[in-house]
N, C-alpha and C. Protein backbone atom coordinates (compact mmCIF):
# COMPACT_ATOMS: atom_id res chain seq x y z
N MET A 1 170.43 29.40 42.59
CA MET A 1 168.72 30.00 43.36
C MET A 1 169.12 31.16 44.55
N PRO A 2 168.14 32.15 44.55
CA PRO A 2 168.27 33.34 45.96
C PRO A 2 168.10 32.38 46.98
N LYS A 3 168.36 32.87 47.94
CA LYS A 3 167.88 32.12 49.43
C LYS A 3 166.71 32.87 49.41
N THR A 4 165.94 31.48 50.27
CA THR A 4 164.42 32.37 50.70
C THR A 4 164.78 32.84 51.97
N ALA A 5 163.57 33.88 52.38
CA ALA A 5 163.59 34.49 54.01
C ALA A 5 163.84 33.26 54.85
N LYS A 6 163.31 32.79 54.69
CA LYS A 6 163.69 31.09 55.97
C LYS A 6 165.47 30.88 55.80
N ASP A 7 165.75 31.00 54.48
CA ASP A 7 167.12 30.47 54.95
C ASP A 7 167.78 31.37 55.17
N TRP A 8 167.24 32.75 55.35
CA TRP A 8 168.20 33.69 55.72
C TRP A 8 167.86 33.96 57.69
N GLU A 9 167.03 33.53 57.61
CA GLU A 9 166.64 33.17 59.24
C GLU A 9 167.13 32.32 59.71
N ASP A 10 167.63 31.15 59.17
CA ASP A 10 168.10 29.43 59.19
C ASP A 10 169.55 30.37 59.58
N GLN A 11 170.41 31.17 58.71
CA GLN A 11 171.90 31.51 58.44
C GLN A 11 171.42 32.22 59.92
N VAL A 12 171.09 33.31 60.36
CA VAL A 12 171.23 34.44 61.60
C VAL A 12 171.36 33.63 62.94
N LYS A 13 170.16 32.74 62.75
CA LYS A 13 170.08 32.20 64.19
C LYS A 13 171.35 31.08 64.21
N GLY A 14 171.89 30.44 62.76
CA GLY A 14 173.04 29.49 63.41
C GLY A 14 174.07 29.89 63.56
N LEU A 15 174.29 31.17 63.07
CA LEU A 15 175.51 32.32 63.62
C LEU A 15 175.43 32.01 65.32
N LEU A 16 174.34 32.81 65.68
CA LEU A 16 174.06 33.13 66.62
C LEU A 16 174.62 32.10 68.14
N LYS A 17 173.87 30.87 67.70
CA LYS A 17 174.23 29.24 68.64
C LYS A 17 175.25 29.25 68.26
N ALA A 18 175.84 29.20 67.38
CA ALA A 18 177.43 28.50 66.80
C ALA A 18 177.97 29.48 67.87
N GLU A 19 177.86 30.98 68.19
CA GLU A 19 178.73 31.57 68.60
C GLU A 19 178.87 31.19 70.32
N LEU A 20 177.45 31.02 70.35
CA LEU A 20 176.34 30.79 72.10
C LEU A 20 177.97 29.21 72.21
N LYS A 21 177.76 27.94 71.28
CA LYS A 21 178.17 26.80 71.60
C LYS A 21 179.93 26.79 71.66
N ARG A 22 180.05 27.56 71.10
CA ARG A 22 182.01 27.99 70.74
C ARG A 22 182.48 28.26 72.44
N ARG A 23 181.90 28.89 72.64
CA ARG A 23 181.88 29.75 74.14
C ARG A 23 180.92 28.84 75.59
N GLY A 24 180.40 27.52 75.34
CA GLY A 24 180.19 26.91 76.35
C GLY A 24 178.78 27.57 77.43
N LEU A 25 177.91 28.71 75.89
CA LEU A 25 176.91 29.62 77.35
C LEU A 25 175.66 28.71 76.72
N SER A 26 175.02 29.02 77.84
CA SER A 26 173.64 28.62 77.68
C SER A 26 172.67 29.77 77.18
N TYR A 27 171.41 29.55 77.45
CA TYR A 27 170.33 30.61 76.99
C TYR A 27 170.41 31.47 78.38
N ALA A 28 170.29 31.14 79.35
CA ALA A 28 170.43 31.28 80.68
C ALA A 28 171.54 32.27 80.85
N ASP A 29 172.46 31.32 80.35
CA ASP A 29 174.32 32.68 80.81
C ASP A 29 173.77 34.21 79.73
N LEU A 30 173.28 33.69 78.45
CA LEU A 30 173.03 34.91 77.56
C LEU A 30 172.33 35.88 78.17
N VAL A 31 171.35 35.29 78.94
CA VAL A 31 169.89 36.29 79.71
C VAL A 31 170.68 37.34 80.42
N GLY A 32 171.95 36.11 81.74
CA GLY A 32 172.93 36.83 82.22
C GLY A 32 173.57 38.32 81.70
N LYS A 33 174.19 37.44 80.56
CA LYS A 33 175.17 38.56 80.23
C LYS A 33 174.58 39.83 79.38
N LEU A 34 173.70 39.67 78.34
CA LEU A 34 172.91 40.95 78.23
C LEU A 34 172.37 41.57 79.26
N ALA A 35 171.90 41.02 80.72
CA ALA A 35 171.22 41.94 81.73
C ALA A 35 172.55 42.87 82.04
N ASP A 36 173.97 42.13 81.91
CA ASP A 36 175.19 42.66 82.73
C ASP A 36 175.12 44.42 81.57
N ILE A 37 174.73 43.92 80.11
CA ILE A 37 175.33 45.14 79.60
C ILE A 37 173.63 45.97 79.72
N GLY A 38 172.54 45.96 80.66
CA GLY A 38 171.27 46.65 80.34
C GLY A 38 170.32 46.40 79.37
N VAL A 39 170.66 45.33 78.84
CA VAL A 39 169.28 44.04 77.76
C VAL A 39 168.60 43.54 79.15
N MET A 40 167.51 44.17 79.53
CA MET A 40 166.40 42.84 80.00
C MET A 40 165.57 42.19 79.10
N ASP A 41 165.95 40.82 79.38
CA ASP A 41 165.08 40.06 78.70
C ASP A 41 164.91 38.60 79.04
N SER A 42 164.01 38.00 78.60
CA SER A 42 163.83 36.38 79.82
C SER A 42 164.19 35.37 78.90
N GLU A 43 164.48 34.33 79.30
CA GLU A 43 165.34 33.35 78.93
C GLU A 43 164.04 32.47 77.78
N PRO A 44 163.11 32.07 78.11
CA PRO A 44 161.98 31.74 77.40
C PRO A 44 161.56 32.91 76.40
N ASN A 45 161.99 33.93 76.09
CA ASN A 45 161.61 34.77 75.06
C ASN A 45 163.12 35.02 74.17
N ILE A 46 164.28 34.44 74.31
CA ILE A 46 165.47 34.38 74.15
C ILE A 46 165.33 32.95 73.48
N ARG A 47 164.75 32.44 73.82
CA ARG A 47 164.87 30.76 73.46
C ARG A 47 164.08 30.87 72.11
N ASN A 48 162.75 31.83 72.22
CA ASN A 48 161.85 31.95 71.03
C ASN A 48 162.43 32.79 69.63
N LYS A 49 163.37 34.07 70.27
CA LYS A 49 163.57 34.43 69.32
C LYS A 49 164.74 33.53 68.65
N LEU A 50 165.61 32.77 69.20
CA LEU A 50 166.68 31.56 68.15
C LEU A 50 166.05 30.84 67.41
N SER A 51 165.11 30.45 67.90
CA SER A 51 164.24 29.18 67.64
C SER A 51 163.48 29.79 66.63
N ARG A 52 163.18 30.74 66.00
CA ARG A 52 162.21 31.31 65.08
C ARG A 52 163.46 32.19 64.23
N GLY A 53 164.27 32.41 64.71
CA GLY A 53 165.21 33.16 63.75
C GLY A 53 164.89 34.35 63.36
N LYS A 54 163.52 34.73 63.81
CA LYS A 54 163.57 36.46 63.61
C LYS A 54 163.84 37.23 64.90
N PHE A 55 164.94 38.09 64.56
CA PHE A 55 164.56 38.74 65.55
C PHE A 55 165.90 39.86 65.08
N THR A 56 165.74 41.21 65.23
CA THR A 56 166.67 42.60 64.76
C THR A 56 168.17 42.20 64.56
N ALA A 57 168.35 43.18 63.75
CA ALA A 57 170.08 43.29 63.89
C ALA A 57 170.86 43.79 65.12
N VAL A 58 169.55 45.06 65.99
CA VAL A 58 170.22 45.42 66.96
C VAL A 58 170.24 44.40 68.36
N PHE A 59 169.19 43.02 68.25
CA PHE A 59 169.34 42.20 69.10
C PHE A 59 170.35 41.41 69.05
N LEU A 60 170.91 40.94 67.30
CA LEU A 60 172.45 40.01 67.55
C LEU A 60 173.25 41.14 68.21
N VAL A 61 173.61 42.18 67.58
CA VAL A 61 174.70 42.68 68.55
C VAL A 61 175.00 43.28 69.73
N GLN A 62 173.18 43.30 70.30
CA GLN A 62 173.50 43.13 71.75
C GLN A 62 174.06 41.84 72.58
N CYS A 63 173.46 40.82 71.47
CA CYS A 63 174.12 39.13 71.97
C CYS A 63 175.59 39.28 72.01
N LEU A 64 176.19 39.53 70.33
CA LEU A 64 177.54 39.32 70.51
C LEU A 64 178.20 40.31 71.25
N GLU A 65 177.88 41.53 71.96
CA GLU A 65 178.71 42.32 72.24
C GLU A 65 178.59 41.66 74.52
N ALA A 66 177.19 41.22 74.13
CA ALA A 66 177.25 40.24 75.38
C ALA A 66 178.08 39.49 75.57
N ILE A 67 178.67 38.61 74.73
CA ILE A 67 179.28 37.28 74.63
C ILE A 67 180.68 37.78 73.91
N ARG A 68 181.38 39.15 74.43
CA ARG A 68 182.10 39.58 73.97
C ARG A 68 183.22 38.77 72.36
N ALA A 69 182.17 38.62 71.26
CA ALA A 69 182.59 37.98 70.14
C ALA A 69 182.54 39.32 69.23
N ASP A 70 184.22 38.89 69.03
CA ASP A 70 184.34 40.61 68.04
C ASP A 70 184.31 40.20 67.02
N THR A 71 184.15 39.00 66.34
CA THR A 71 184.23 38.67 64.68
C THR A 71 182.95 37.49 64.81
N LEU A 72 182.68 37.23 63.79
CA LEU A 72 181.68 36.27 63.46
C LEU A 72 182.44 35.40 62.06
N ARG A 73 181.84 33.96 62.13
CA ARG A 73 181.83 33.60 61.28
C ARG A 73 180.58 33.00 60.12
N LEU A 74 180.69 33.49 58.97
CA LEU A 74 180.01 33.48 58.12
C LEU A 74 180.12 32.03 57.00
């Protein structure tokens, strides 16, 4: 059975949350690390994006770069 849009959203938010957890990082830590690379966002906004699972590929890559994640486990 093909995945639904919700399934894809759950998968992508799970990927990012897992990377944060592996590194022991909170949303507040992510806000700081994003700021370090010039991406300004608030903790509540990031929390909402990850909760919904709806964010751009650009945001995902920015987060991964900010936390220095070179690889992803699918």
